[in-house]
PDB file of N, CA and C in Angstrom:
ATOM      1  N   MET A   1       2.977-159.955 171.605  1.00  0.00           N
ATOM      2  CA  MET A   1       4.013-160.952 171.536  1.00  0.00           C
ATOM      3  C   MET A   1       3.861-161.688 170.200  1.00  0.00           C
ATOM      4  N   ILE A   2       4.977-161.942 169.538  1.00  0.00           N
ATOM      5  CA  ILE A   2       4.942-162.628 168.249  1.00  0.00           C
ATOM      6  C   ILE A   2       5.455-164.052 168.429  1.00  0.00           C
ATOM      7  N   VAL A   3       4.607-165.000 168.077  1.00  0.00           N
ATOM      8  CA  VAL A   3       4.941-166.424 168.157  1.00  0.00           C
ATOM      9  C   VAL A   3       4.867-166.979 166.740  1.00  0.00           C
ATOM     10  N   ALA A   4       5.995-167.393 166.210  1.00  0.00           N
ATOM     11  CA  ALA A   4       6.068-167.954 164.855  1.00  0.00           C
ATOM     12  C   ALA A   4       5.427-167.025 163.828  1.00  0.00           C
ATOM     13  N   GLY A   5       5.641-165.729 163.981  1.00  0.00           N
ATOM     14  CA  GLY A   5       5.125-164.764 163.019  1.00  0.00           C
ATOM     15  C   GLY A   5       3.688-164.345 163.256  1.00  0.00           C
ATOM     16  N   THR A   6       3.052-164.836 164.304  1.00  0.00           N
ATOM     17  CA  THR A   6       1.663-164.510 164.613  1.00  0.00           C
ATOM     18  C   THR A   6       1.613-163.697 165.903  1.00  0.00           C
ATOM     19  N   THR A   7       0.906-162.590 165.871  1.00  0.00           N
ATOM     20  CA  THR A   7       0.780-161.755 167.059  1.00  0.00           C
ATOM     21  C   THR A   7      -0.250-162.354 168.013  1.00  0.00           C
ATOM     22  N   LEU A   8       0.179-162.610 169.236  1.00  0.00           N
ATOM     23  CA  LEU A   8      -0.705-163.149 170.276  1.00  0.00           C
ATOM     24  C   LEU A   8      -0.601-162.284 171.523  1.00  0.00           C
ATOM     25  N   ARG A   9      -1.705-162.183 172.235  1.00  0.00           N
ATOM     26  CA  ARG A   9      -1.686-161.510 173.534  1.00  0.00           C
ATOM     27  C   ARG A   9      -1.083-162.469 174.562  1.00  0.00           C
ATOM     28  N   PRO A  10      -0.545-161.929 175.660  1.00  0.00           N
ATOM     29  CA  PRO A  10       0.021-162.803 176.700  1.00  0.00           C
ATOM     30  C   PRO A  10      -0.971-163.853 177.211  1.00  0.00           C
ATOM     31  N   ASP A  11      -2.248-163.479 177.351  1.00  0.00           N
ATOM     32  CA  ASP A  11      -3.222-164.459 177.821  1.00  0.00           C
ATOM     33  C   ASP A  11      -3.403-165.603 176.823  1.00  0.00           C
ATOM     34  N   GLN A  12      -3.269-165.308 175.536  1.00  0.00           N
ATOM     35  CA  GLN A  12      -3.373-166.360 174.517  1.00  0.00           C
ATOM     36  C   GLN A  12      -2.164-167.286 174.570  1.00  0.00           C
ATOM     37  N   VAL A  13      -0.989-166.710 174.840  1.00  0.00           N
ATOM     38  CA  VAL A  13       0.221-167.529 174.973  1.00  0.00           C
ATOM     39  C   VAL A  13       0.091-168.441 176.195  1.00  0.00           C
ATOM     40  N   ARG A  14      -0.504-167.929 177.253  1.00  0.00           N
ATOM     41  CA  ARG A  14      -0.717-168.751 178.457  1.00  0.00           C
ATOM     42  C   ARG A  14      -1.688-169.903 178.169  1.00  0.00           C
ATOM     43  N   VAL A  15      -2.718-169.634 177.390  1.00  0.00           N
ATOM     44  CA  VAL A  15      -3.655-170.702 177.006  1.00  0.00           C
ATOM     45  C   VAL A  15      -2.899-171.779 176.231  1.00  0.00           C
ATOM     46  N   LEU A  16      -2.076-171.342 175.287  1.00  0.00           N
ATOM     47  CA  LEU A  16      -1.276-172.287 174.506  1.00  0.00           C
ATOM     48  C   LEU A  16      -0.336-173.079 175.417  1.00  0.00           C
ATOM     49  N   ALA A  17       0.315-172.391 176.337  1.00  0.00           N
ATOM     50  CA  ALA A  17       1.224-173.064 177.271  1.00  0.00           C
ATOM     51  C   ALA A  17       0.484-174.125 178.071  1.00  0.00           C
ATOM     52  N   GLY A  18      -0.761-173.862 178.395  1.00  0.00           N
ATOM     53  CA  GLY A  18      -1.558-174.839 179.129  1.00  0.00           C
ATOM     54  C   GLY A  18      -1.963-176.041 178.297  1.00  0.00           C
ATOM     55  N   MET A  19      -1.875-175.908 176.980  1.00  0.00           N
ATOM     56  CA  MET A  19      -2.261-177.005 176.091  1.00  0.00           C
ATOM     57  C   MET A  19      -1.090-177.930 175.766  1.00  0.00           C
ATOM     58  N   VAL A  20       0.131-177.401 175.916  1.00  0.00           N
ATOM     59  CA  VAL A  20       1.320-178.213 175.660  1.00  0.00           C
ATOM     60  C   VAL A  20       1.941-178.564 177.006  1.00  0.00           C
ATOM     61  N   ASP A  21       3.021-179.308 176.984  1.00  0.00           N
ATOM     62  CA  ASP A  21       3.650-179.672 178.252  1.00  0.00           C
ATOM     63  C   ASP A  21       5.163-179.581 178.141  1.00  0.00           C
ATOM     64  N   GLY A  22       5.824-179.908 179.229  1.00  0.00           N
ATOM     65  CA  GLY A  22       7.284-179.983 179.235  1.00  0.00           C
ATOM     66  C   GLY A  22       7.969-178.664 178.975  1.00  0.00           C
ATOM     67  N   GLU A  23       9.090-178.751 178.295  1.00  0.00           N
ATOM     68  CA  GLU A  23       9.946-177.594 178.047  1.00  0.00           C
ATOM     69  C   GLU A  23       9.242-176.540 177.187  1.00  0.00           C
ATOM     70  N   LEU A  24       8.402-176.959 176.259  1.00  0.00           N
ATOM     71  CA  LEU A  24       7.691-175.990 175.418  1.00  0.00           C
ATOM     72  C   LEU A  24       6.747-175.142 176.266  1.00  0.00           C
ATOM     73  N   ALA A  25       6.015-175.765 177.163  1.00  0.00           N
ATOM     74  CA  ALA A  25       5.121-175.013 178.051  1.00  0.00           C
ATOM     75  C   ALA A  25       5.929-174.034 178.906  1.00  0.00           C
ATOM     76  N   ALA A  26       7.048-174.504 179.438  1.00  0.00           N
ATOM     77  CA  ALA A  26       7.900-173.640 180.266  1.00  0.00           C
ATOM     78  C   ALA A  26       8.452-172.476 179.445  1.00  0.00           C
ATOM     79  N   LYS A  27       8.836-172.744 178.207  1.00  0.00           N
ATOM     80  CA  LYS A  27       9.368-171.703 177.334  1.00  0.00           C
ATOM     81  C   LYS A  27       8.315-170.617 177.084  1.00  0.00           C
ATOM     82  N   LEU A  28       7.091-171.030 176.816  1.00  0.00           N
ATOM     83  CA  LEU A  28       6.019-170.070 176.567  1.00  0.00           C
ATOM     84  C   LEU A  28       5.702-169.266 177.831  1.00  0.00           C
ATOM     85  N   GLU A  29       5.649-169.936 178.971  1.00  0.00           N
ATOM     86  CA  GLU A  29       5.402-169.237 180.238  1.00  0.00           C
ATOM     87  C   GLU A  29       6.518-168.240 180.548  1.00  0.00           C
ATOM     88  N   ARG A  30       7.777-168.646 180.303  1.00  0.00           N
ATOM     89  CA  ARG A  30       8.915-167.729 180.522  1.00  0.00           C
ATOM     90  C   ARG A  30       8.803-166.500 179.622  1.00  0.00           C
ATOM     91  N   ALA A  31       8.377-166.722 178.380  1.00  0.00           N
ATOM     92  CA  ALA A  31       8.239-165.608 177.438  1.00  0.00           C
ATOM     93  C   ALA A  31       7.227-164.592 177.950  1.00  0.00           C
ATOM     94  N   VAL A  32       6.128-165.080 178.519  1.00  0.00           N
ATOM     95  CA  VAL A  32       5.118-164.174 179.074  1.00  0.00           C
ATOM     96  C   VAL A  32       5.670-163.469 180.311  1.00  0.00           C
ATOM     97  N   THR A  33       6.262-164.236 181.210  1.00  0.00           N
ATOM     98  CA  THR A  33       6.810-163.673 182.451  1.00  0.00           C
ATOM     99  C   THR A  33       7.876-162.619 182.163  1.00  0.00           C
ATOM    100  N   ASN A  34       8.738-162.908 181.198  1.00  0.00           N
ATOM    101  CA  ASN A  34       9.833-161.992 180.851  1.00  0.00           C
ATOM    102  C   ASN A  34       9.406-160.883 179.890  1.00  0.00           C
ATOM    103  N   LYS A  35       8.135-160.922 179.475  1.00  0.00           N
ATOM    104  CA  LYS A  35       7.588-159.937 178.533  1.00  0.00           C
ATOM    105  C   LYS A  35       8.384-159.895 177.234  1.00  0.00           C
ATOM    106  N   ASN A  36       8.768-161.077 176.749  1.00  0.00           N
ATOM    107  CA  ASN A  36       9.478-161.171 175.469  1.00  0.00           C
ATOM    108  C   ASN A  36       8.549-160.706 174.351  1.00  0.00           C
ATOM    109  N   SER A  37       9.098-160.020 173.375  1.00  0.00           N
ATOM    110  CA  SER A  37       8.271-159.576 172.257  1.00  0.00           C
ATOM    111  C   SER A  37       8.196-160.633 171.157  1.00  0.00           C
ATOM    112  N   ILE A  38       9.198-161.509 171.099  1.00  0.00           N
ATOM    113  CA  ILE A  38       9.234-162.551 170.069  1.00  0.00           C
ATOM    114  C   ILE A  38       9.567-163.891 170.719  1.00  0.00           C
ATOM    115  N   VAL A  39       8.857-164.931 170.293  1.00  0.00           N
ATOM    116  CA  VAL A  39       9.149-166.280 170.756  1.00  0.00           C
ATOM    117  C   VAL A  39       9.515-167.107 169.518  1.00  0.00           C
ATOM    118  N   ALA A  40      10.771-167.533 169.447  1.00  0.00           N
ATOM    119  CA  ALA A  40      11.233-168.363 168.337  1.00  0.00           C
ATOM    120  C   ALA A  40      10.911-169.825 168.659  1.00  0.00           C
ATOM    121  N   LEU A  41      10.464-170.552 167.641  1.00  0.00           N
ATOM    122  CA  LEU A  41      10.117-171.961 167.827  1.00  0.00           C
ATOM    123  C   LEU A  41      10.935-172.837 166.896  1.00  0.00           C
ATOM    124  N   THR A  42      11.340-173.987 167.393  1.00  0.00           N
ATOM    125  CA  THR A  42      12.015-174.968 166.546  1.00  0.00           C
ATOM    126  C   THR A  42      10.961-175.668 165.681  1.00  0.00           C
ATOM    127  N   VAL A  43      11.418-176.412 164.700  1.00  0.00           N
ATOM    128  CA  VAL A  43      10.491-177.183 163.863  1.00  0.00           C
ATOM    129  C   VAL A  43       9.718-178.173 164.723  1.00  0.00           C
ATOM    130  N   ALA A  44      10.401-178.833 165.649  1.00  0.00           N
ATOM    131  CA  ALA A  44       9.727-179.805 166.528  1.00  0.00           C
ATOM    132  C   ALA A  44       8.664-179.123 167.391  1.00  0.00           C
ATOM    133  N   GLU A  45       8.957-177.917 167.877  1.00  0.00           N
ATOM    134  CA  GLU A  45       7.975-177.187 168.679  1.00  0.00           C
ATOM    135  C   GLU A  45       6.774-176.782 167.832  1.00  0.00           C
ATOM    136  N   ARG A  46       7.023-176.371 166.610  1.00  0.00           N
ATOM    137  CA  ARG A  46       5.929-176.018 165.699  1.00  0.00           C
ATOM    138  C   ARG A  46       5.043-177.242 165.440  1.00  0.00           C
ATOM    139  N   GLU A  47       5.686-178.378 165.210  1.00  0.00           N
ATOM    140  CA  GLU A  47       4.929-179.603 164.970  1.00  0.00           C
ATOM    141  C   GLU A  47       4.090-179.979 166.186  1.00  0.00           C
ATOM    142  N   ARG A  48       4.647-179.810 167.368  1.00  0.00           N
ATOM    143  CA  ARG A  48       3.921-180.122 168.606  1.00  0.00           C
ATOM    144  C   ARG A  48       2.692-179.232 168.762  1.00  0.00           C
ATOM    145  N   ILE A  49       2.847-177.945 168.491  1.00  0.00           N
ATOM    146  CA  ILE A  49       1.720-177.018 168.606  1.00  0.00           C
ATOM    147  C   ILE A  49       0.640-177.349 167.577  1.00  0.00           C
ATOM    148  N   VAL A  50       1.040-177.641 166.347  1.00  0.00           N
ATOM    149  CA  VAL A  50       0.061-178.013 165.320  1.00  0.00           C
ATOM    150  C   VAL A  50      -0.704-179.249 165.760  1.00  0.00           C
ATOM    151  N   SER A  51       0.001-180.209 166.320  1.00  0.00           N
ATOM    152  CA  SER A  51      -0.633-181.436 166.793  1.00  0.00           C
ATOM    153  C   SER A  51      -1.665-181.135 167.886  1.00  0.00           C
ATOM    154  N   VAL A  52      -1.294-180.291 168.822  1.00  0.00           N
ATOM    155  CA  VAL A  52      -2.186-179.949 169.937  1.00  0.00           C
ATOM    156  C   VAL A  52      -3.397-179.153 169.450  1.00  0.00           C
ATOM    157  N   LEU A  53      -3.181-178.284 168.466  1.00  0.00           N
ATOM    158  CA  LEU A  53      -4.265-177.432 167.977  1.00  0.00           C
ATOM    159  C   LEU A  53      -5.073-178.078 166.846  1.00  0.00           C
ATOM    160  N   ALA A  54      -4.709-179.284 166.441  1.00  0.00           N
ATOM    161  CA  ALA A  54      -5.335-179.915 165.272  1.00  0.00           C
ATOM    162  C   ALA A  54      -6.841-180.094 165.410  1.00  0.00           C
ATOM    163  N   SER A  55      -7.303-180.474 166.570  1.00  0.00           N
ATOM    164  CA  SER A  55      -8.745-180.685 166.727  1.00  0.00           C
ATOM    165  C   SER A  55      -9.361-179.533 167.504  1.00  0.00           C
ATOM    166  N   GLU A  56     -10.096-178.727 166.811  1.00  0.00           N
ATOM    167  CA  GLU A  56     -10.822-177.588 167.383  1.00  0.00           C
ATOM    168  C   GLU A  56      -9.969-176.682 168.265  1.00  0.00           C
ATOM    169  N   PRO A  57      -9.052-175.939 167.644  1.00  0.00           N
ATOM    170  CA  PRO A  57      -8.244-175.004 168.439  1.00  0.00           C
ATOM    171  C   PRO A  57      -9.125-173.873 168.963  1.00  0.00           C
ATOM    172  N   PRO A  58      -8.755-173.290 170.097  1.00  0.00           N
ATOM    173  CA  PRO A  58      -9.493-172.114 170.570  1.00  0.00           C
ATOM    174  C   PRO A  58      -9.478-171.048 169.469  1.00  0.00           C
ATOM    175  N   SER A  59     -10.550-170.314 169.335  1.00  0.00           N
ATOM    176  CA  SER A  59     -10.658-169.340 168.237  1.00  0.00           C
ATOM    177  C   SER A  59      -9.483-168.363 168.212  1.00  0.00           C
ATOM    178  N   ALA A  60      -8.947-168.026 169.371  1.00  0.00           N
ATOM    179  CA  ALA A  60      -7.820-167.093 169.435  1.00  0.00           C
ATOM    180  C   ALA A  60      -6.534-167.686 168.871  1.00  0.00           C
ATOM    181  N   LEU A  61      -6.492-169.018 168.708  1.00  0.00           N
ATOM    182  CA  LEU A  61      -5.259-169.673 168.242  1.00  0.00           C
ATOM    183  C   LEU A  61      -5.397-170.279 166.839  1.00  0.00           C
ATOM    184  N   VAL A  62      -6.533-170.054 166.191  1.00  0.00           N
ATOM    185  CA  VAL A  62      -6.741-170.598 164.839  1.00  0.00           C
ATOM    186  C   VAL A  62      -5.714-170.040 163.867  1.00  0.00           C
ATOM    187  N   GLU A  63      -5.475-168.729 163.927  1.00  0.00           N
ATOM    188  CA  GLU A  63      -4.503-168.121 163.015  1.00  0.00           C
ATOM    189  C   GLU A  63      -3.113-168.717 163.233  1.00  0.00           C
ATOM    190  N   LEU A  64      -2.709-168.892 164.483  1.00  0.00           N
ATOM    191  CA  LEU A  64      -1.406-169.502 164.775  1.00  0.00           C
ATOM    192  C   LEU A  64      -1.334-170.889 164.169  1.00  0.00           C
ATOM    193  N   HIS A  65      -2.368-171.679 164.345  1.00  0.00           N
ATOM    194  CA  HIS A  65      -2.401-173.033 163.771  1.00  0.00           C
ATOM    195  C   HIS A  65      -2.209-172.971 162.261  1.00  0.00           C
ATOM    196  N   ASP A  66      -2.963-172.103 161.598  1.00  0.00           N
ATOM    197  CA  ASP A  66      -2.884-172.007 160.137  1.00  0.00           C
ATOM    198  C   ASP A  66      -1.496-171.563 159.674  1.00  0.00           C
ATOM    199  N   VAL A  67      -0.915-170.605 160.363  1.00  0.00           N
ATOM    200  CA  VAL A  67       0.425-170.117 160.014  1.00  0.00           C
ATOM    201  C   VAL A  67       1.453-171.234 160.184  1.00  0.00           C
ATOM    202  N   LEU A  68       1.368-171.959 161.291  1.00  0.00           N
ATOM    203  CA  LEU A  68       2.324-173.044 161.535  1.00  0.00           C
ATOM    204  C   LEU A  68       2.191-174.154 160.511  1.00  0.00           C
ATOM    205  N   VAL A  69       0.972-174.490 160.121  1.00  0.00           N
ATOM    206  CA  VAL A  69       0.765-175.522 159.097  1.00  0.00           C
ATOM    207  C   VAL A  69       1.450-175.092 157.798  1.00  0.00           C
ATOM    208  N   LYS A  70       1.277-173.834 157.415  1.00  0.00           N
ATOM    209  CA  LYS A  70       1.918-173.321 156.193  1.00  0.00           C
ATOM    210  C   LYS A  70       3.436-173.327 156.318  1.00  0.00           C
ATOM    211  N   GLN A  71       3.949-172.910 157.477  1.00  0.00           N
ATOM    212  CA  GLN A  71       5.400-172.888 157.679  1.00  0.00           C
ATOM    213  C   GLN A  71       5.993-174.292 157.593  1.00  0.00           C
ATOM    214  N   LEU A  72       5.320-175.256 158.200  1.00  0.00           N
ATOM    215  CA  LEU A  72       5.819-176.634 158.165  1.00  0.00           C
ATOM    216  C   LEU A  72       5.769-177.201 156.755  1.00  0.00           C
ATOM    217  N   ALA A  73       4.729-176.867 155.997  1.00  0.00           N
ATOM    218  CA  ALA A  73       4.641-177.324 154.603  1.00  0.00           C
ATOM    219  C   ALA A  73       5.772-176.723 153.771  1.00  0.00           C
ATOM    220  N   GLN A  74       6.058-175.441 153.993  1.00  0.00           N
ATOM    221  CA  GLN A  74       7.172-174.804 153.286  1.00  0.00           C
ATOM    222  C   GLN A  74       8.496-175.465 153.642  1.00  0.00           C
ATOM    223  N   GLN A  75       8.683-175.778 154.907  1.00  0.00           N
ATOM    224  CA  GLN A  75       9.902-176.441 155.363  1.00  0.00           C
ATOM    225  C   GLN A  75      10.069-177.788 154.666  1.00  0.00           C
ATOM    226  N   LYS A  76       8.991-178.555 154.584  1.00  0.00           N
ATOM    227  CA  LYS A  76       9.057-179.870 153.928  1.00  0.00           C
ATOM    228  C   LYS A  76       9.366-179.726 152.448  1.00  0.00           C
ATOM    229  N   ARG A  77       8.777-178.712 151.790  1.00  0.00           N
ATOM    230  CA  ARG A  77       9.076-178.479 150.373  1.00  0.00           C
ATOM    231  C   ARG A  77      10.546-178.129 150.179  1.00  0.00           C
ATOM    232  N   ARG A  78      11.075-177.256 151.059  1.00  0.00           N
ATOM    233  CA  ARG A  78      12.501-176.881 150.961  1.00  0.00           C
ATOM    234  C   ARG A  78      13.398-178.096 151.145  1.00  0.00           C
ATOM    235  N   GLU A  79      13.068-178.934 152.120  1.00  0.00           N
ATOM    236  CA  GLU A  79      13.868-180.136 152.358  1.00  0.00           C
ATOM    237  C   GLU A  79      13.820-181.068 151.152  1.00  0.00           C
ATOM    238  N   ALA A  80      12.644-181.226 150.554  1.00  0.00           N
ATOM    239  CA  ALA A  80      12.508-182.080 149.369  1.00  0.00           C
ATOM    240  C   ALA A  80      13.307-181.507 148.199  1.00  0.00           C
ATOM    241  N   GLN A  81      13.262-180.185 148.027  1.00  0.00           N
ATOM    242  CA  GLN A  81      14.035-179.549 146.955  1.00  0.00           C
ATOM    243  C   GLN A  81      15.534-179.722 147.182  1.00  0.00           C
ATOM    244  N   ASP A  82      15.965-179.579 148.432  1.00  0.00           N
ATOM    245  CA  ASP A  82      17.380-179.761 148.755  1.00  0.00           C
ATOM    246  C   ASP A  82      17.831-181.189 148.452  1.00  0.00           C
ATOM    247  N   MET A  83      16.993-182.155 148.808  1.00  0.00           N
ATOM    248  CA  MET A  83      17.320-183.562 148.530  1.00  0.00           C
ATOM    249  C   MET A  83      17.409-183.809 147.028  1.00  0.00           C
ATOM    250  N   GLN A  84      16.476-183.226 146.265  1.00  0.00           N
ATOM    251  CA  GLN A  84      16.484-183.402 144.813  1.00  0.00           C
ATOM    252  C   GLN A  84      17.727-182.758 144.205  1.00  0.00           C
ATOM    253  N   THR A  85      18.083-181.585 144.689  1.00  0.00           N
ATOM    254  CA  THR A  85      19.284-180.909 144.197  1.00  0.00           C
ATOM    255  C   THR A  85      20.518-181.755 144.477  1.00  0.00           C
ATOM    256  N   LYS A  86      20.592-182.319 145.676  1.00  0.00           N
ATOM    257  CA  LYS A  86      21.732-183.151 146.042  1.00  0.00           C
ATOM    258  C   LYS A  86      21.812-184.385 145.127  1.00  0.00           C
ATOM    259  N   ARG A  87      20.663-185.029 144.904  1.00  0.00           N
ATOM    260  CA  ARG A  87      20.648-186.202 144.010  1.00  0.00           C
ATOM    261  C   ARG A  87      21.090-185.817 142.600  1.00  0.00           C
ATOM    262  N   ASN A  88      20.612-184.679 142.117  1.00  0.00           N
ATOM    263  CA  ASN A  88      20.989-184.231 140.776  1.00  0.00           C
ATOM    264  C   ASN A  88      22.487-183.957 140.687  1.00  0.00           C
ATOM    265  N   GLN A  89      23.042-183.357 141.737  1.00  0.00           N
ATOM    266  CA  GLN A  89      24.476-183.075 141.752  1.00  0.00           C
ATOM    267  C   GLN A  89      25.282-184.365 141.769  1.00  0.00           C
ATOM    268  N   GLU A  90      24.810-185.352 142.521  1.00  0.00           N
ATOM    269  CA  GLU A  90      25.512-186.632 142.582  1.00  0.00           C
ATOM    270  C   GLU A  90      25.466-187.346 141.241  1.00  0.00           C
ATOM    271  N   ARG A  91      24.340-187.252 140.543  1.00  0.00           N
ATOM    272  CA  ARG A  91      24.225-187.879 139.218  1.00  0.00           C
ATOM    273  C   ARG A  91      25.125-187.193 138.200  1.00  0.00           C
ATOM    274  N   ALA A  92      25.282-185.869 138.336  1.00  0.00           N
ATOM    275  CA  ALA A  92      26.077-185.105 137.388  1.00  0.00           C
ATOM    276  C   ALA A  92      27.578-185.276 137.609  1.00  0.00           C
ATOM    277  N   ARG A  93      27.962-185.772 138.774  1.00  0.00           N
ATOM    278  CA  ARG A  93      29.375-185.949 139.118  1.00  0.00           C
ATOM    279  C   ARG A  93      29.942-187.124 138.300  1.00  0.00           C
ATOM    280  N   PRO A  94      31.117-186.942 137.724  1.00  0.00           N
ATOM    281  CA  PRO A  94      31.729-188.051 136.982  1.00  0.00           C
ATOM    282  C   PRO A  94      31.905-189.279 137.858  1.00  0.00           C
ATOM    283  N   GLU A  95      31.783-190.445 137.273  1.00  0.00           N
ATOM    284  CA  GLU A  95      31.879-191.705 138.015  1.00  0.00           C
ATOM    285  C   GLU A  95      33.221-191.796 138.717  1.00  0.00           C
ATOM    286  N   GLY A  96      33.185-192.248 139.948  1.00  0.00           N
ATOM    287  CA  GLY A  96      34.395-192.416 140.721  1.00  0.00           C
ATOM    288  C   GLY A  96      34.821-191.183 141.503  1.00  0.00           C
ATOM    289  N   GLU A  97      34.239-190.042 141.195  1.00  0.00           N
ATOM    290  CA  GLU A  97      34.566-188.809 141.917  1.00  0.00           C
ATOM    291  C   GLU A  97      33.648-188.699 143.137  1.00  0.00           C
ATOM    292  N   SER A  98      34.204-188.317 144.282  1.00  0.00           N
ATOM    293  CA  SER A  98      33.364-188.157 145.477  1.00  0.00           C
ATOM    294  C   SER A  98      33.279-186.702 145.863  1.00  0.00           C
ATOM    295  N   ALA A  99      32.313-186.411 146.717  1.00  0.00           N
ATOM    296  CA  ALA A  99      32.058-185.013 147.112  1.00  0.00           C
ATOM    297  C   ALA A  99      33.153-184.459 147.972  1.00  0.00           C
TER     298      ALA A  99
END
């Protein structure tokens, strides 16, 4: 099963599901039950998993933690670049003209 680009066994996904709660835990359990090959995660779900795994993650989930940290950092860089591009475009626009 692939979770956020990381291959995990169903038992590892169940361990992760036991570490989180609410809809995310249910989503992970459903993925195992339904034998899904891929589990897509929202940014908020990725952040939640990183938070849960931040202090001494089980060895089987260290790679997932590291991958999610990198993905979230890339997301933040993209958002910052998008904001900078938008500001630059607004500065380049003639005065009085709106988007």
